[in-house]
N, C-alpha and C. Protein backbone atom coordinates (compact mmCIF):
# COMPACT_ATOMS: atom_id res chain seq x y z
N MET A 1 2.54 17.10 -12.75
CA MET A 1 2.77 16.20 -11.29
C MET A 1 2.23 14.95 -11.09
N ARG A 2 2.44 13.86 -10.63
CA ARG A 2 1.61 12.80 -10.46
C ARG A 2 1.30 12.85 -9.08
N LYS A 3 -0.20 12.23 -9.00
CA LYS A 3 -0.55 12.43 -7.76
C LYS A 3 0.13 11.69 -6.60
N SER A 4 0.54 10.51 -7.18
CA SER A 4 1.22 9.61 -6.26
C SER A 4 2.17 10.35 -5.17
N VAL A 5 2.89 11.46 -5.70
CA VAL A 5 3.77 12.00 -4.30
C VAL A 5 2.89 12.69 -3.34
N PHE A 6 1.69 12.95 -3.56
CA PHE A 6 0.89 13.36 -2.41
C PHE A 6 0.29 12.09 -1.59
N THR A 7 0.12 11.12 -2.16
CA THR A 7 -0.38 9.81 -1.42
C THR A 7 0.92 9.30 -0.54
N GLY A 8 2.19 9.71 -1.09
CA GLY A 8 3.47 9.17 -0.11
C GLY A 8 3.50 10.07 0.74
N ILE A 9 3.44 11.74 0.52
CA ILE A 9 3.27 12.66 1.56
C ILE A 9 2.33 12.32 2.86
N LEU A 10 1.31 11.93 2.61
CA LEU A 10 0.14 11.61 2.86
C LEU A 10 0.52 10.41 4.21
N PHE A 11 0.91 9.21 3.56
CA PHE A 11 1.27 8.03 4.01
C PHE A 11 2.42 8.43 5.35
N PHE A 12 3.58 9.35 4.64
CA PHE A 12 4.56 9.37 5.72
C PHE A 12 4.16 10.41 6.89
N ALA A 13 3.25 11.52 6.41
CA ALA A 13 2.75 12.14 7.61
C ALA A 13 2.05 11.26 8.61
N LEU A 14 1.13 10.42 8.24
CA LEU A 14 0.62 9.44 9.07
C LEU A 14 1.48 8.52 9.85
N GLY A 15 2.35 8.19 9.37
CA GLY A 15 3.59 7.29 10.05
C GLY A 15 4.01 8.11 11.04
N LEU A 16 4.76 9.72 11.03
CA LEU A 16 5.20 10.16 11.90
C LEU A 16 3.99 10.60 13.00
N VAL A 17 2.79 10.47 12.58
CA VAL A 17 1.65 10.60 13.86
C VAL A 17 2.01 9.58 14.67
N PHE A 18 1.47 8.16 14.03
CA PHE A 18 1.78 6.89 14.59
C PHE A 18 2.96 6.77 15.39
N SER A 19 4.34 7.40 14.87
CA SER A 19 5.49 7.22 15.63
C SER A 19 5.30 8.13 17.00
N ILE A 20 4.74 9.13 16.77
CA ILE A 20 4.88 10.20 17.89
C ILE A 20 3.70 9.46 18.62
N LEU A 21 3.07 8.94 18.39
CA LEU A 21 1.77 8.20 19.42
C LEU A 21 2.49 6.92 20.19
N SER A 22 3.38 6.15 19.47
CA SER A 22 4.20 5.04 19.97
C SER A 22 5.20 5.48 20.97
N LYS A 23 5.87 6.70 20.71
CA LYS A 23 6.95 7.45 21.52
C LYS A 23 6.29 7.70 23.05
N ALA A 24 4.83 8.27 22.88
CA ALA A 24 4.08 8.61 24.14
C ALA A 24 3.81 7.30 25.02
N LEU A 25 3.47 6.51 24.22
CA LEU A 25 2.85 4.89 24.86
C LEU A 25 4.22 4.40 25.68
N ILE A 26 5.25 4.62 25.16
CA ILE A 26 6.32 3.78 25.68
C ILE A 26 6.54 4.51 26.78
N GLY A 27 6.35 5.59 27.60
CA GLY A 27 6.76 5.99 28.75
C GLY A 27 5.64 5.89 29.54
N LEU A 28 4.63 5.17 29.13
CA LEU A 28 3.23 5.33 30.03
C LEU A 28 3.46 4.74 31.19
N PRO A 29 3.07 5.13 32.34
CA PRO A 29 2.97 4.43 33.76
C PRO A 29 2.22 3.38 33.84
N VAL A 30 2.61 2.27 34.16
CA VAL A 30 1.66 1.44 34.62
C VAL A 30 1.59 0.60 36.10
N LYS A 31 0.73 0.10 36.38
CA LYS A 31 0.59 -0.55 37.50
C LYS A 31 0.10 -1.63 37.69
N SER A 32 -0.55 -2.23 37.08
CA SER A 32 -0.68 -3.89 36.89
C SER A 32 -0.32 -4.67 35.82
N LEU A 33 -0.20 -5.76 35.94
CA LEU A 33 0.36 -6.82 34.77
C LEU A 33 -0.45 -6.31 33.55
N GLN A 34 -1.69 -6.44 33.91
CA GLN A 34 -2.96 -5.93 32.65
C GLN A 34 -2.40 -4.80 31.90
N GLU A 35 -2.47 -3.67 32.76
CA GLU A 35 -1.97 -2.50 32.18
C GLU A 35 -0.55 -2.59 31.35
N THR A 36 0.27 -3.68 31.71
CA THR A 36 1.68 -3.79 31.27
C THR A 36 1.55 -4.57 29.85
N PHE A 37 0.66 -5.41 29.92
CA PHE A 37 0.36 -6.27 28.67
C PHE A 37 -0.31 -5.22 27.57
N ALA A 38 -1.28 -4.45 27.99
CA ALA A 38 -1.85 -3.50 27.15
C ALA A 38 -1.01 -2.76 26.82
N ALA A 39 -0.20 -1.91 27.58
CA ALA A 39 0.77 -1.02 27.03
C ALA A 39 1.71 -1.30 26.05
N ASN A 40 2.13 -2.53 26.37
CA ASN A 40 3.16 -3.05 25.24
C ASN A 40 2.56 -3.57 24.03
N LEU A 41 1.19 -4.12 24.17
CA LEU A 41 0.87 -4.50 22.97
C LEU A 41 0.20 -3.27 21.79
N ALA A 42 -0.20 -2.15 22.68
CA ALA A 42 -0.60 -0.73 22.15
C ALA A 42 0.58 -0.28 21.41
N VAL A 43 1.90 -0.30 22.06
CA VAL A 43 3.15 0.23 21.48
C VAL A 43 3.74 -0.73 20.45
N ALA A 44 3.50 -2.15 20.62
CA ALA A 44 3.90 -2.72 19.27
C ALA A 44 3.06 -2.59 18.16
N PHE A 45 1.90 -2.43 18.35
CA PHE A 45 0.89 -2.03 17.22
C PHE A 45 1.32 -1.04 16.52
N PHE A 46 1.50 0.18 17.30
CA PHE A 46 1.71 1.66 16.98
C PHE A 46 3.05 1.75 16.28
N VAL A 47 3.88 0.99 16.87
CA VAL A 47 5.37 1.02 16.05
C VAL A 47 5.44 0.31 14.96
N ILE A 48 4.92 -0.79 14.97
CA ILE A 48 4.54 -1.56 13.43
C ILE A 48 3.78 -0.58 12.38
N ILE A 49 2.64 -0.23 12.82
CA ILE A 49 2.12 0.59 11.80
C ILE A 49 2.65 1.94 11.47
N SER A 50 3.40 2.69 12.27
CA SER A 50 3.92 3.64 12.04
C SER A 50 5.25 3.29 11.15
N ALA A 51 6.02 2.17 11.30
CA ALA A 51 7.02 1.96 10.58
C ALA A 51 6.41 1.44 9.11
N VAL A 52 5.49 0.94 8.78
CA VAL A 52 5.00 0.52 7.68
C VAL A 52 4.53 1.72 6.88
N LEU A 53 3.91 2.70 7.57
CA LEU A 53 3.30 3.85 6.69
C LEU A 53 4.73 4.86 6.47
N LEU A 54 5.75 4.90 7.50
CA LEU A 54 6.76 5.58 6.97
C LEU A 54 7.64 5.02 5.47
N GLY A 55 7.57 3.96 5.84
CA GLY A 55 8.08 3.00 4.51
C GLY A 55 7.31 2.92 3.37
N ILE A 56 6.03 2.73 3.18
CA ILE A 56 5.52 3.20 2.16
C ILE A 56 5.58 4.46 1.67
N GLY A 57 5.54 5.70 2.45
CA GLY A 57 5.41 6.91 2.31
C GLY A 57 6.86 7.36 1.36
N SER A 58 7.94 6.67 2.46
CA SER A 58 9.16 7.46 1.68
C SER A 58 9.46 6.57 0.43
N GLY A 59 9.27 5.33 0.29
CA GLY A 59 9.34 4.52 -0.80
C GLY A 59 8.37 5.09 -2.01
N VAL A 60 7.17 5.87 -1.98
CA VAL A 60 6.54 6.20 -3.03
C VAL A 60 6.92 7.54 -3.40
N ILE A 61 7.54 8.27 -2.43
CA ILE A 61 8.09 9.63 -2.79
C ILE A 61 9.62 9.34 -3.41
N ILE A 62 10.20 8.61 -2.92
CA ILE A 62 11.59 8.23 -3.61
C ILE A 62 11.20 7.47 -4.97
N HIS A 63 10.39 7.00 -5.27
CA HIS A 63 10.01 6.26 -6.55
C HIS A 63 9.41 7.57 -7.17
N TRP A 64 8.48 8.28 -6.85
CA TRP A 64 8.47 9.32 -7.86
C TRP A 64 9.50 10.44 -8.07
N LEU A 65 10.48 10.35 -7.27
CA LEU A 65 11.73 11.32 -7.78
C LEU A 65 12.49 10.64 -8.78
N ILE A 66 12.70 9.07 -8.67
CA ILE A 66 13.36 8.43 -9.52
C ILE A 66 12.48 8.26 -11.23
N ALA A 67 11.19 8.10 -10.64
CA ALA A 67 10.35 8.08 -11.99
C ALA A 67 10.52 9.29 -13.23
N PHE A 68 11.16 10.20 -12.66
CA PHE A 68 11.51 10.92 -13.95
C PHE A 68 12.67 10.74 -14.93
N ALA A 69 13.29 9.57 -14.53
CA ALA A 69 14.18 8.94 -15.47
C ALA A 69 13.60 8.06 -16.44
N LYS A 70 14.18 7.79 -17.42
CA LYS A 70 13.86 6.83 -18.54
C LYS A 70 13.28 5.61 -17.68
N PRO A 71 12.41 4.74 -18.07
CA PRO A 71 11.67 3.58 -17.23
C PRO A 71 12.78 2.64 -16.75
N LEU A 72 13.67 2.29 -17.80
CA LEU A 72 14.68 1.17 -17.57
C LEU A 72 15.59 1.65 -16.53
N SER A 73 16.16 2.99 -16.93
CA SER A 73 17.18 3.57 -15.72
C SER A 73 16.40 3.76 -14.45
N ALA A 74 14.92 3.85 -14.40
CA ALA A 74 14.46 4.02 -13.02
C ALA A 74 14.10 2.86 -12.38
N GLY A 75 14.28 1.79 -13.19
CA GLY A 75 13.78 0.48 -12.60
C GLY A 75 15.08 -0.19 -12.02
N ILE A 76 16.34 -0.02 -12.97
CA ILE A 76 17.66 -0.43 -12.19
C ILE A 76 17.88 0.29 -11.05
N LEU A 77 17.59 1.54 -10.91
CA LEU A 77 17.98 2.42 -9.67
C LEU A 77 17.27 2.38 -8.45
N SER A 78 15.85 1.70 -8.76
CA SER A 78 14.84 1.34 -7.94
C SER A 78 15.19 -0.10 -7.03
N LEU A 79 15.69 -0.92 -8.09
CA LEU A 79 16.20 -2.23 -7.58
C LEU A 79 17.56 -1.94 -6.74
N ILE A 80 18.48 -1.05 -6.91
CA ILE A 80 19.59 -0.78 -6.38
C ILE A 80 19.32 -0.11 -4.91
N LEU A 81 18.44 0.83 -4.86
CA LEU A 81 17.82 1.53 -3.91
C LEU A 81 17.36 0.71 -2.68
N ALA A 82 16.30 -0.37 -3.57
CA ALA A 82 15.91 -1.65 -2.51
C ALA A 82 16.83 -2.16 -1.90
N ALA A 83 17.65 -2.71 -2.57
CA ALA A 83 18.91 -3.62 -1.77
C ALA A 83 19.42 -2.93 -0.92
N VAL A 84 19.93 -1.48 -1.35
CA VAL A 84 20.72 -0.75 -0.21
C VAL A 84 19.80 -0.30 0.89
N ALA A 85 18.52 -0.23 0.70
CA ALA A 85 17.62 0.07 1.95
C ALA A 85 17.26 -1.01 2.97
N LEU A 86 17.42 -2.32 2.43
CA LEU A 86 17.41 -3.43 3.18
C LEU A 86 18.32 -3.72 3.85
N PHE A 87 19.47 -3.45 3.39
CA PHE A 87 20.91 -3.81 3.91
C PHE A 87 20.98 -2.52 5.27
N VAL A 88 20.71 -1.42 4.94
CA VAL A 88 20.50 -0.15 5.82
C VAL A 88 19.67 -0.60 7.00
N GLY A 89 18.73 -0.89 6.69
CA GLY A 89 17.61 -1.49 7.87
C GLY A 89 18.11 -2.35 8.81
N VAL A 90 18.68 -3.13 8.10
CA VAL A 90 19.28 -4.58 9.24
C VAL A 90 20.28 -4.07 9.90
N GLY A 91 20.92 -3.03 9.24
CA GLY A 91 22.46 -2.71 9.89
C GLY A 91 21.93 -1.59 10.94
N ALA A 92 20.90 -0.85 10.90
CA ALA A 92 20.51 0.10 11.53
C ALA A 92 19.79 -0.63 12.93
N SER A 93 19.04 -1.51 12.56
CA SER A 93 18.45 -2.18 13.93
C SER A 93 19.06 -2.76 14.41
N LEU A 94 20.38 -3.51 14.02
CA LEU A 94 21.55 -4.31 14.76
C LEU A 94 21.96 -3.15 15.70
N GLY A 95 21.97 -2.21 15.08
CA GLY A 95 22.95 -0.93 15.79
C GLY A 95 22.10 -0.51 17.04
N LEU A 96 21.18 -0.30 16.63
CA LEU A 96 19.89 0.17 17.90
C LEU A 96 19.49 -0.60 18.71
N ILE A 97 19.71 -2.15 18.54
CA ILE A 97 18.93 -2.92 19.40
C ILE A 97 19.74 -2.78 20.87
N VAL A 98 20.82 -2.38 20.91
CA VAL A 98 21.31 -2.49 21.98
C VAL A 98 20.57 -1.15 22.83
N SER A 99 20.41 -0.09 22.16
CA SER A 99 20.02 1.35 23.03
C SER A 99 18.52 1.18 23.11
N ASN A 100 17.85 0.93 22.22
CA ASN A 100 16.27 1.07 22.39
C ASN A 100 15.76 -0.22 21.33
N GLY A 101 15.19 -1.20 21.85
CA GLY A 101 14.52 -2.27 21.28
C GLY A 101 13.24 -1.92 20.28
N TRP A 102 12.32 -0.91 20.60
CA TRP A 102 11.51 -0.36 20.01
C TRP A 102 11.87 0.44 18.75
N THR A 103 12.87 1.19 18.96
CA THR A 103 13.41 1.95 17.81
C THR A 103 14.03 1.05 16.68
N ALA A 104 14.77 -0.07 17.44
CA ALA A 104 15.38 -0.90 16.21
C ALA A 104 14.12 -1.70 15.56
N LEU A 105 13.17 -1.96 16.36
CA LEU A 105 11.88 -2.93 15.50
C LEU A 105 11.52 -1.87 14.45
N GLN A 106 11.25 -0.33 14.78
CA GLN A 106 10.81 0.41 13.90
C GLN A 106 11.46 0.59 12.71
N ALA A 107 13.02 0.98 13.10
CA ALA A 107 13.88 1.09 11.95
C ALA A 107 13.91 -0.33 10.99
N LEU A 108 13.73 -1.36 11.51
CA LEU A 108 13.74 -2.73 10.61
C LEU A 108 12.50 -2.71 9.76
N PHE A 109 11.22 -2.32 10.45
CA PHE A 109 10.23 -2.59 9.43
C PHE A 109 10.07 -1.49 8.53
N THR A 110 10.49 0.03 8.93
CA THR A 110 10.69 0.95 8.07
C THR A 110 11.51 0.41 6.84
N PHE A 111 12.70 0.15 6.83
CA PHE A 111 13.38 -0.05 5.72
C PHE A 111 13.02 -1.35 4.98
N VAL A 112 12.42 -2.28 5.39
CA VAL A 112 12.01 -3.38 5.04
C VAL A 112 11.04 -2.95 3.97
N THR A 113 9.88 -2.23 4.77
CA THR A 113 8.86 -1.96 3.71
C THR A 113 9.44 -1.00 2.63
N LEU A 114 10.31 -0.06 2.94
CA LEU A 114 10.87 1.01 2.05
C LEU A 114 11.36 0.00 0.63
N SER A 115 12.03 -1.32 1.25
CA SER A 115 12.76 -1.75 0.18
C SER A 115 11.39 -2.61 -0.67
N ILE A 116 10.63 -3.22 -0.22
CA ILE A 116 9.61 -3.67 -0.63
C ILE A 116 8.96 -2.75 -1.82
N THR A 117 8.61 -1.45 -1.41
CA THR A 117 7.75 -0.42 -2.10
C THR A 117 8.77 -0.26 -3.14
N LEU A 118 9.98 0.31 -3.05
CA LEU A 118 10.93 0.30 -4.12
C LEU A 118 11.10 -0.96 -5.27
N PHE A 119 11.09 -2.12 -4.42
CA PHE A 119 11.29 -3.14 -5.43
C PHE A 119 9.85 -3.38 -6.43
N ILE A 120 8.57 -3.50 -5.76
CA ILE A 120 7.70 -3.17 -6.30
C ILE A 120 7.40 -2.12 -7.24
N GLY A 121 8.04 -0.87 -7.40
CA GLY A 121 8.28 0.10 -8.23
C GLY A 121 8.89 -0.09 -9.11
N SER A 122 9.99 -0.80 -9.12
CA SER A 122 10.95 -1.23 -9.98
C SER A 122 10.37 -2.15 -11.20
N LEU A 123 9.49 -3.02 -10.38
CA LEU A 123 8.67 -3.81 -11.39
C LEU A 123 7.73 -3.19 -12.48
N PHE A 124 7.03 -2.03 -11.76
CA PHE A 124 6.28 -1.24 -12.68
C PHE A 124 7.29 -0.35 -13.69
N ASP A 125 8.56 0.09 -13.45
CA ASP A 125 9.15 0.64 -14.34
C ASP A 125 9.64 -0.66 -15.35
N PHE A 126 10.00 -1.49 -15.03
CA PHE A 126 10.38 -2.64 -15.78
C PHE A 126 9.49 -2.89 -16.87
N PHE A 127 8.23 -2.99 -16.53
CA PHE A 127 6.95 -3.45 -17.31
C PHE A 127 6.74 -2.31 -18.37
N ALA A 128 7.01 -0.92 -17.85
CA ALA A 128 6.66 -0.06 -18.41
C ALA A 128 7.90 0.05 -19.70
N SER A 129 9.15 -0.08 -19.42
CA SER A 129 10.01 -0.02 -20.35
C SER A 129 10.05 -1.23 -21.47
N THR A 130 9.54 -2.39 -20.91
CA THR A 130 9.51 -3.31 -21.93
C THR A 130 7.89 -3.01 -22.69
N ASP A 131 7.07 -2.63 -22.24
CA ASP A 131 5.91 -2.11 -23.15
C ASP A 131 6.16 -0.93 -24.00
N SER A 132 7.09 -0.07 -23.78
CA SER A 132 7.56 0.81 -24.59
C SER A 132 8.38 0.34 -25.89
N VAL A 133 9.20 -0.65 -25.64
CA VAL A 133 10.07 -1.42 -26.18
C VAL A 133 9.18 -2.24 -27.36
N VAL A 134 8.29 -2.90 -26.74
CA VAL A 134 7.31 -3.65 -27.99
C VAL A 134 6.50 -2.85 -28.42
N LYS A 135 6.14 -1.55 -28.09
CA LYS A 135 5.40 -0.82 -28.86
C LYS A 135 6.45 -0.30 -30.22
N GLU A 136 7.62 -0.15 -29.93
CA GLU A 136 8.70 0.37 -30.69
C GLU A 136 8.96 -0.73 -31.74
N VAL A 137 9.12 -1.95 -31.13
CA VAL A 137 9.12 -3.16 -32.26
C VAL A 137 7.90 -3.25 -33.24
N LYS A 138 6.78 -3.25 -32.57
CA LYS A 138 5.60 -3.15 -33.59
C LYS A 138 5.67 -2.13 -34.56
N LYS A 139 5.78 -0.99 -34.15
CA LYS A 139 5.83 0.21 -35.10
C LYS A 139 7.01 -0.08 -36.36
N PHE A 140 8.09 -0.49 -35.82
CA PHE A 140 9.04 -0.91 -36.83
C PHE A 140 8.65 -1.98 -37.61
N PHE A 141 8.33 -2.84 -37.32
CA PHE A 141 7.57 -4.10 -38.09
C PHE A 141 6.45 -3.55 -39.17
N ARG A 142 5.51 -2.60 -38.61
CA ARG A 142 4.56 -2.51 -39.37
C ARG A 142 5.10 -1.64 -40.30
N LEU A 143 6.17 -0.66 -40.27
CA LEU A 143 6.55 0.09 -41.38
C LEU A 143 7.35 -0.56 -42.38
N GLN A 144 8.19 -1.51 -42.03
CA GLN A 144 8.50 -2.57 -42.70
C GLN A 144 7.72 -3.41 -43.57
N ILE A 145 6.65 -3.69 -43.15
CA ILE A 145 5.52 -4.28 -43.98
C ILE A 145 4.89 -3.41 -44.93
N LYS A 146 4.87 -2.15 -44.72
CA LYS A 146 4.29 -1.09 -45.59
C LYS A 146 5.14 -0.86 -46.47
N LYS A 147 6.39 -0.69 -46.39
CA LYS A 147 7.62 -0.75 -47.20
C LYS A 147 7.50 -1.88 -48.17
N LEU A 148 7.31 -3.07 -47.87
CA LEU A 148 7.35 -4.34 -48.51
C LEU A 148 6.22 -4.41 -49.63
N ARG A 149 5.20 -3.94 -49.11
CA ARG A 149 3.91 -3.85 -49.92
C ARG A 149 3.98 -2.83 -51.13
N LYS A 150 4.87 -1.96 -51.05
CA LYS A 150 4.86 -1.12 -52.09
C LYS A 150 5.75 -1.30 -53.12
């Protein structure tokens, strides 16, 4: 088992912790303008950090699951899921903007980060597949050259 899944689980768990902290900060009672500004700034910080951590963690876990396939198939599937995640994130944030703006912001950043993570993972898969193809072609030509020399 590759170690990347544990990194993904760690990022996802940290994202959940930051999400819980941001939820606690949203309902914080404030008295002055400075406290309101500080609370809103802290909420924005924790929402964005939690969304990025959740997106990276879930992206690494999903890519880890996909990586059991052949590299080219995994790369194509990662690209498709990256596009789907981007559209789902935009749709979810548009749907949630009416009820809760902070949740909509978190959904948007989570799915955009997930999409970016899967896209980068698909690039790794494509390069791995081209590397294996290049090695096979090299091996084939070496065998052909050896046959010609005999």
